[in-house]
Amino acid sequence: MLVATTNDLPGYRVTAHLGVARGVTVRSRSVIGNIGGAVQSIFGGNITIYTKLAETARQEAYDLLVRHAGELGADAVIAMRYDANEIMDGITEVLAYGTAVKVEKL
């Protein structure tokens, strides 16, 4: 599956638009993660516990996006984006979305 943040794919022609494909996940911070994050924040710099949580959530949303696009019959996803919203304190929704398309190589 080709996935691009651009509106086209160089070397390919879009032959059909299949609609919006999306992948969504909702993740929460654990108590242990919050304690570890608090300790790391005392020393400054990258808070690796939260970085790992964010990357895991993005990867899961991306994988779900690719699966949904495949279910739609897509060869590719164009104009792919991420969005995140805090649903409540410590609980975040991460959405990956884009346009599912059929493509042919030029």
N, C-alpha and C. Protein backbone atom coordinates (compact mmCIF):
# COMPACT_ATOMS: atom_id res chain seq x y z
N MET A 1 0.86 -1.18 0.00
CA MET A 1 0.00 0.00 0.00
C MET A 1 0.89 1.24 0.00
N LEU A 2 0.69 2.10 -0.97
CA LEU A 2 1.39 3.37 -1.01
C LEU A 2 0.63 4.37 -0.15
N VAL A 3 1.34 5.12 0.67
CA VAL A 3 0.72 6.15 1.50
C VAL A 3 1.56 7.42 1.36
N ALA A 4 0.90 8.52 1.03
CA ALA A 4 1.62 9.78 0.84
C ALA A 4 0.84 10.93 1.45
N THR A 5 1.58 11.91 1.95
CA THR A 5 0.93 13.12 2.46
C THR A 5 0.62 14.11 1.34
N THR A 6 1.14 13.84 0.16
CA THR A 6 0.89 14.70 -0.99
C THR A 6 -0.46 14.36 -1.63
N ASN A 7 -0.91 15.23 -2.52
CA ASN A 7 -2.20 15.02 -3.18
C ASN A 7 -2.09 14.17 -4.44
N ASP A 8 -0.87 13.79 -4.79
CA ASP A 8 -0.66 12.92 -5.93
C ASP A 8 0.53 12.02 -5.65
N LEU A 9 0.75 11.06 -6.53
CA LEU A 9 1.89 10.14 -6.40
C LEU A 9 2.70 10.23 -7.68
N PRO A 10 3.87 10.83 -7.64
CA PRO A 10 4.70 10.89 -8.84
C PRO A 10 4.94 9.49 -9.40
N GLY A 11 4.75 9.37 -10.71
CA GLY A 11 4.94 8.08 -11.36
C GLY A 11 3.68 7.23 -11.41
N TYR A 12 2.58 7.74 -10.84
CA TYR A 12 1.31 7.02 -10.81
C TYR A 12 0.19 7.94 -11.24
N ARG A 13 -0.85 7.34 -11.79
CA ARG A 13 -2.05 8.09 -12.15
C ARG A 13 -3.20 7.54 -11.31
N VAL A 14 -3.94 8.46 -10.69
CA VAL A 14 -5.12 8.05 -9.91
C VAL A 14 -6.22 7.70 -10.89
N THR A 15 -6.75 6.48 -10.75
CA THR A 15 -7.82 6.03 -11.66
C THR A 15 -9.19 6.03 -11.00
N ALA A 16 -9.21 6.04 -9.66
CA ALA A 16 -10.50 6.07 -8.96
C ALA A 16 -10.29 6.57 -7.54
N HIS A 17 -11.21 7.41 -7.09
CA HIS A 17 -11.26 7.84 -5.70
C HIS A 17 -12.28 6.97 -4.99
N LEU A 18 -11.87 6.35 -3.88
CA LEU A 18 -12.75 5.41 -3.19
C LEU A 18 -13.32 5.97 -1.89
N GLY A 19 -12.95 7.19 -1.56
CA GLY A 19 -13.48 7.83 -0.37
C GLY A 19 -12.44 7.95 0.74
N VAL A 20 -12.90 8.42 1.86
CA VAL A 20 -12.03 8.63 3.01
C VAL A 20 -11.72 7.30 3.69
N ALA A 21 -10.45 7.09 3.96
CA ALA A 21 -10.03 5.94 4.77
C ALA A 21 -9.52 6.51 6.08
N ARG A 22 -9.77 5.78 7.18
CA ARG A 22 -9.34 6.30 8.47
C ARG A 22 -8.97 5.16 9.40
N GLY A 23 -8.13 5.52 10.34
CA GLY A 23 -7.77 4.61 11.43
C GLY A 23 -7.77 5.43 12.70
N VAL A 24 -8.43 4.96 13.72
CA VAL A 24 -8.51 5.72 14.97
C VAL A 24 -8.17 4.80 16.13
N THR A 25 -7.45 5.35 17.08
CA THR A 25 -7.15 4.63 18.31
C THR A 25 -7.28 5.60 19.47
N VAL A 26 -7.64 5.08 20.61
CA VAL A 26 -7.75 5.89 21.83
C VAL A 26 -6.82 5.27 22.86
N ARG A 27 -5.90 6.07 23.37
CA ARG A 27 -4.90 5.57 24.29
C ARG A 27 -4.93 6.38 25.58
N SER A 28 -4.51 5.73 26.65
CA SER A 28 -4.41 6.43 27.93
C SER A 28 -3.02 6.24 28.51
N ARG A 29 -2.64 7.17 29.35
CA ARG A 29 -1.37 7.05 30.08
C ARG A 29 -1.63 6.19 31.31
N SER A 30 -0.68 5.35 31.64
CA SER A 30 -0.82 4.53 32.83
C SER A 30 -0.30 5.30 34.04
N VAL A 31 -0.66 4.85 35.22
CA VAL A 31 -0.17 5.48 36.45
C VAL A 31 1.35 5.39 36.51
N ILE A 32 1.88 4.22 36.16
CA ILE A 32 3.34 4.05 36.17
C ILE A 32 3.99 4.98 35.14
N GLY A 33 3.36 5.08 33.96
CA GLY A 33 3.88 5.99 32.94
C GLY A 33 3.87 7.43 33.40
N ASN A 34 2.82 7.83 34.10
CA ASN A 34 2.75 9.20 34.62
C ASN A 34 3.85 9.46 35.64
N ILE A 35 4.12 8.49 36.50
CA ILE A 35 5.18 8.65 37.50
C ILE A 35 6.54 8.76 36.79
N GLY A 36 6.77 7.85 35.84
CA GLY A 36 8.02 7.89 35.08
C GLY A 36 8.18 9.18 34.32
N GLY A 37 7.09 9.65 33.71
CA GLY A 37 7.13 10.92 32.98
C GLY A 37 7.42 12.09 33.90
N ALA A 38 6.84 12.06 35.09
CA ALA A 38 7.08 13.13 36.06
C ALA A 38 8.54 13.16 36.48
N VAL A 39 9.12 11.99 36.70
CA VAL A 39 10.53 11.92 37.08
C VAL A 39 11.40 12.44 35.94
N GLN A 40 11.11 12.01 34.70
CA GLN A 40 11.89 12.47 33.56
C GLN A 40 11.76 13.98 33.36
N SER A 41 10.58 14.54 33.64
CA SER A 41 10.38 15.97 33.43
C SER A 41 11.21 16.81 34.40
N ILE A 42 11.57 16.25 35.54
CA ILE A 42 12.41 16.97 36.50
C ILE A 42 13.77 17.29 35.87
N PHE A 43 14.28 16.37 35.06
CA PHE A 43 15.60 16.52 34.46
C PHE A 43 15.57 17.22 33.11
N GLY A 44 14.37 17.42 32.57
CA GLY A 44 14.24 18.11 31.29
C GLY A 44 14.55 17.21 30.11
N GLY A 45 14.40 17.75 28.92
CA GLY A 45 14.68 17.00 27.71
C GLY A 45 13.51 16.17 27.26
N ASN A 46 13.80 15.22 26.39
CA ASN A 46 12.77 14.36 25.82
C ASN A 46 12.21 13.43 26.90
N ILE A 47 10.91 13.42 27.04
CA ILE A 47 10.26 12.52 28.00
C ILE A 47 9.93 11.25 27.22
N THR A 48 10.86 10.31 27.26
CA THR A 48 10.79 9.13 26.39
C THR A 48 9.56 8.27 26.61
N ILE A 49 9.05 8.22 27.83
CA ILE A 49 7.86 7.42 28.09
C ILE A 49 6.67 7.94 27.28
N TYR A 50 6.51 9.26 27.25
CA TYR A 50 5.41 9.84 26.49
C TYR A 50 5.68 9.80 24.99
N THR A 51 6.95 9.93 24.60
CA THR A 51 7.30 9.82 23.18
C THR A 51 6.93 8.44 22.66
N LYS A 52 7.25 7.41 23.42
CA LYS A 52 6.91 6.04 23.01
C LYS A 52 5.39 5.85 22.93
N LEU A 53 4.66 6.40 23.89
CA LEU A 53 3.20 6.30 23.88
C LEU A 53 2.64 6.98 22.63
N ALA A 54 3.14 8.18 22.32
CA ALA A 54 2.65 8.91 21.15
C ALA A 54 2.97 8.15 19.86
N GLU A 55 4.19 7.62 19.75
CA GLU A 55 4.57 6.89 18.55
C GLU A 55 3.76 5.61 18.40
N THR A 56 3.51 4.92 19.50
CA THR A 56 2.69 3.70 19.46
C THR A 56 1.28 4.02 18.97
N ALA A 57 0.71 5.10 19.48
CA ALA A 57 -0.65 5.49 19.07
C ALA A 57 -0.68 5.86 17.59
N ARG A 58 0.32 6.61 17.12
CA ARG A 58 0.35 6.99 15.70
C ARG A 58 0.50 5.76 14.81
N GLN A 59 1.39 4.83 15.21
CA GLN A 59 1.59 3.63 14.40
C GLN A 59 0.33 2.79 14.34
N GLU A 60 -0.37 2.67 15.47
CA GLU A 60 -1.61 1.89 15.49
C GLU A 60 -2.67 2.54 14.60
N ALA A 61 -2.81 3.86 14.67
CA ALA A 61 -3.78 4.57 13.81
C ALA A 61 -3.40 4.41 12.34
N TYR A 62 -2.11 4.50 12.03
CA TYR A 62 -1.63 4.33 10.65
C TYR A 62 -1.96 2.92 10.14
N ASP A 63 -1.66 1.90 10.94
CA ASP A 63 -1.94 0.52 10.54
C ASP A 63 -3.43 0.31 10.28
N LEU A 64 -4.27 0.91 11.13
CA LEU A 64 -5.72 0.80 10.93
C LEU A 64 -6.16 1.53 9.66
N LEU A 65 -5.53 2.66 9.36
CA LEU A 65 -5.81 3.40 8.12
C LEU A 65 -5.50 2.53 6.91
N VAL A 66 -4.33 1.92 6.90
CA VAL A 66 -3.92 1.08 5.78
C VAL A 66 -4.88 -0.10 5.63
N ARG A 67 -5.29 -0.70 6.74
CA ARG A 67 -6.23 -1.81 6.68
C ARG A 67 -7.58 -1.36 6.11
N HIS A 68 -8.07 -0.21 6.58
CA HIS A 68 -9.36 0.29 6.08
C HIS A 68 -9.27 0.60 4.58
N ALA A 69 -8.18 1.22 4.15
CA ALA A 69 -8.01 1.52 2.72
C ALA A 69 -8.01 0.23 1.91
N GLY A 70 -7.35 -0.80 2.41
CA GLY A 70 -7.35 -2.09 1.73
C GLY A 70 -8.74 -2.68 1.63
N GLU A 71 -9.52 -2.53 2.69
CA GLU A 71 -10.91 -3.02 2.67
C GLU A 71 -11.75 -2.29 1.64
N LEU A 72 -11.39 -1.03 1.36
CA LEU A 72 -12.10 -0.26 0.34
C LEU A 72 -11.65 -0.62 -1.07
N GLY A 73 -10.57 -1.42 -1.17
CA GLY A 73 -10.05 -1.81 -2.47
C GLY A 73 -8.97 -0.89 -3.00
N ALA A 74 -8.39 -0.07 -2.14
CA ALA A 74 -7.41 0.93 -2.55
C ALA A 74 -6.03 0.31 -2.79
N ASP A 75 -5.29 0.95 -3.69
CA ASP A 75 -3.87 0.65 -3.91
C ASP A 75 -3.00 1.65 -3.15
N ALA A 76 -3.61 2.80 -2.81
CA ALA A 76 -2.85 3.87 -2.20
C ALA A 76 -3.76 4.77 -1.37
N VAL A 77 -3.13 5.56 -0.52
CA VAL A 77 -3.81 6.61 0.24
C VAL A 77 -3.04 7.90 -0.03
N ILE A 78 -3.76 8.93 -0.47
CA ILE A 78 -3.13 10.24 -0.70
C ILE A 78 -3.68 11.24 0.31
N ALA A 79 -2.98 12.34 0.47
CA ALA A 79 -3.35 13.42 1.39
C ALA A 79 -3.51 12.88 2.82
N MET A 80 -2.63 11.96 3.21
CA MET A 80 -2.70 11.35 4.54
C MET A 80 -2.32 12.38 5.60
N ARG A 81 -3.07 12.37 6.70
CA ARG A 81 -2.84 13.29 7.81
C ARG A 81 -3.06 12.57 9.14
N TYR A 82 -2.50 13.16 10.19
CA TYR A 82 -2.77 12.73 11.56
C TYR A 82 -3.52 13.85 12.27
N ASP A 83 -4.34 13.47 13.22
CA ASP A 83 -4.99 14.43 14.11
C ASP A 83 -5.05 13.77 15.48
N ALA A 84 -5.01 14.58 16.51
CA ALA A 84 -5.10 14.04 17.88
C ALA A 84 -5.93 14.99 18.72
N ASN A 85 -6.74 14.41 19.57
CA ASN A 85 -7.59 15.19 20.48
C ASN A 85 -7.57 14.53 21.84
N GLU A 86 -7.52 15.35 22.86
CA GLU A 86 -7.61 14.82 24.21
C GLU A 86 -9.09 14.68 24.55
N ILE A 87 -9.54 13.45 24.78
CA ILE A 87 -10.94 13.19 25.09
C ILE A 87 -11.23 13.59 26.53
N MET A 88 -10.33 13.23 27.42
CA MET A 88 -10.38 13.67 28.81
C MET A 88 -8.96 13.60 29.33
N ASP A 89 -8.72 14.07 30.52
CA ASP A 89 -7.37 14.13 31.05
C ASP A 89 -6.69 12.76 30.98
N GLY A 90 -5.60 12.70 30.23
CA GLY A 90 -4.84 11.46 30.13
C GLY A 90 -5.32 10.48 29.09
N ILE A 91 -6.40 10.81 28.36
CA ILE A 91 -6.93 9.91 27.32
C ILE A 91 -6.97 10.68 26.00
N THR A 92 -6.25 10.15 25.02
CA THR A 92 -6.09 10.84 23.75
C THR A 92 -6.54 9.96 22.59
N GLU A 93 -7.26 10.57 21.67
CA GLU A 93 -7.66 9.93 20.42
C GLU A 93 -6.64 10.33 19.36
N VAL A 94 -6.15 9.38 18.60
CA VAL A 94 -5.26 9.66 17.48
C VAL A 94 -5.94 9.12 16.22
N LEU A 95 -6.06 9.98 15.22
CA LEU A 95 -6.72 9.65 13.97
C LEU A 95 -5.73 9.80 12.83
N ALA A 96 -5.65 8.79 11.97
CA ALA A 96 -4.91 8.87 10.72
C ALA A 96 -5.95 8.78 9.61
N TYR A 97 -5.90 9.68 8.65
CA TYR A 97 -6.92 9.67 7.60
C TYR A 97 -6.34 10.15 6.28
N GLY A 98 -7.01 9.82 5.21
CA GLY A 98 -6.60 10.25 3.88
C GLY A 98 -7.60 9.76 2.86
N THR A 99 -7.31 10.00 1.60
CA THR A 99 -8.18 9.60 0.51
C THR A 99 -7.69 8.27 -0.07
N ALA A 100 -8.55 7.28 -0.03
CA ALA A 100 -8.24 5.96 -0.61
C ALA A 100 -8.43 6.05 -2.11
N VAL A 101 -7.44 5.58 -2.86
CA VAL A 101 -7.49 5.68 -4.31
C VAL A 101 -6.98 4.40 -4.97
N LYS A 102 -7.41 4.20 -6.21
CA LYS A 102 -6.83 3.19 -7.09
C LYS A 102 -5.83 3.93 -7.97
N VAL A 103 -4.68 3.33 -8.19
CA VAL A 103 -3.66 3.98 -9.02
C VAL A 103 -3.12 2.97 -10.04
N GLU A 104 -2.52 3.54 -11.10
CA GLU A 104 -1.78 2.71 -12.05
C GLU A 104 -0.44 3.39 -12.32
N LYS A 105 0.57 2.57 -12.47
CA LYS A 105 1.92 3.09 -12.72
C LYS A 105 1.99 3.65 -14.13
N LEU A 106 2.66 4.78 -14.28
CA LEU A 106 2.81 5.42 -15.60
C LEU A 106 3.96 4.77 -16.36
